[in-house]
Structures are given as C-alpha cells and as structure tokens.
Amino acid sequence: MIRTYVKKVVKALDAKDKTAAEAAYKEMVPVLDRYADRGMIHKNKAARHKSRLIAHIKALA
C-alpha cells in the first residue's frame, strides 16, 4: 500500500503535473504516518519519503 501511494506521487512528478503530485502527496502522508505509528515501517523512513517527495514537488515550481 505504501509503495502504491509513493508511486502515484512519483508518476505525477514524472508527468510534471504539480497539482496531481500535491493531491497524491496529501493522500500518501496519512498512510505513511499510520504505518509508522503501527511499527510496520520505521518513523524515519516515513519522514524520509515525505521529505524527499515534497522537495521534488516544490522543485517543479
């Protein structure tokens, strides 16, 4: 599930569609946080994904 949401953001970034990337990012964040809270992934891994993807989204401007 995590990979699916991350791939949606990456796909929008590859298409250089900032609005779609931002929408996909907003859908992805709660999923990552939920998995990190449950211990399914490390909280730093979730933070790393969020940080790197938002940096790519901001770079599209």
Protein backbone atom coordinates (compact mmCIF):
# COMPACT_ATOMS: atom_id res chain seq x y z
CA MET A 1 0.00 0.00 0.00
CA ILE A 2 2.85 2.36 0.81
CA ARG A 3 4.56 1.66 -2.50
CA THR A 4 1.31 2.30 -4.36
CA TYR A 5 0.84 5.75 -2.85
CA VAL A 6 4.51 6.67 -3.31
CA LYS A 7 4.33 5.54 -6.95
CA LYS A 8 1.30 7.76 -7.54
CA VAL A 9 3.30 10.79 -6.38
CA VAL A 10 6.35 9.78 -8.44
CA LYS A 11 4.19 9.23 -11.52
CA ALA A 12 2.69 12.72 -11.18
CA LEU A 13 6.19 14.15 -10.72
CA ASP A 14 7.41 12.41 -13.87
CA ALA A 15 4.47 13.91 -15.76
CA LYS A 16 5.45 17.32 -14.30
CA ASP A 17 1.89 17.76 -13.01
CA LYS A 18 2.28 19.73 -9.80
CA THR A 19 -1.39 19.75 -8.80
CA ALA A 20 -1.71 15.98 -9.23
CA ALA A 21 1.53 15.46 -7.33
CA GLU A 22 0.32 17.61 -4.45
CA ALA A 23 -3.01 15.76 -4.34
CA ALA A 24 -1.28 12.37 -4.37
CA TYR A 25 1.13 13.58 -1.67
CA LYS A 26 -1.78 14.61 0.56
CA GLU A 27 -3.26 11.13 0.16
CA MET A 28 0.10 9.47 0.86
CA VAL A 29 1.04 11.28 4.09
CA PRO A 30 -1.65 9.80 6.36
CA VAL A 31 -0.91 6.31 5.04
CA LEU A 32 2.80 6.65 5.80
CA ASP A 33 2.08 8.07 9.24
CA ARG A 34 -0.36 5.29 10.05
CA TYR A 35 2.12 2.58 9.05
CA ALA A 36 4.89 4.30 11.03
CA ASP A 37 2.67 4.58 14.13
CA ARG A 38 1.85 0.88 13.93
CA GLY A 39 5.52 -0.01 13.61
CA MET A 40 5.20 -1.51 10.14
CA ILE A 41 7.87 0.88 8.87
CA HIS A 42 10.35 2.98 10.83
CA LYS A 43 9.22 6.53 11.53
CA ASN A 44 12.43 7.88 10.00
CA LYS A 45 11.70 6.01 6.77
CA ALA A 46 8.28 7.64 6.61
CA ALA A 47 9.83 11.04 7.29
CA ARG A 48 12.47 10.44 4.61
CA HIS A 49 9.85 9.60 1.98
CA LYS A 50 7.78 12.67 2.86
CA SER A 51 10.79 14.99 2.89
CA ARG A 52 12.22 13.84 -0.43
CA LEU A 53 8.92 13.85 -2.27
CA ILE A 54 7.84 17.29 -1.04
CA ALA A 55 11.25 18.63 -2.11
CA HIS A 56 10.67 17.27 -5.62
CA ILE A 57 7.17 18.79 -5.69
CA LYS A 58 8.50 22.20 -4.64
CA ALA A 59 11.20 21.97 -7.31
CA LEU A 60 8.51 21.74 -10.02
CA ALA A 61 7.61 25.39 -9.48
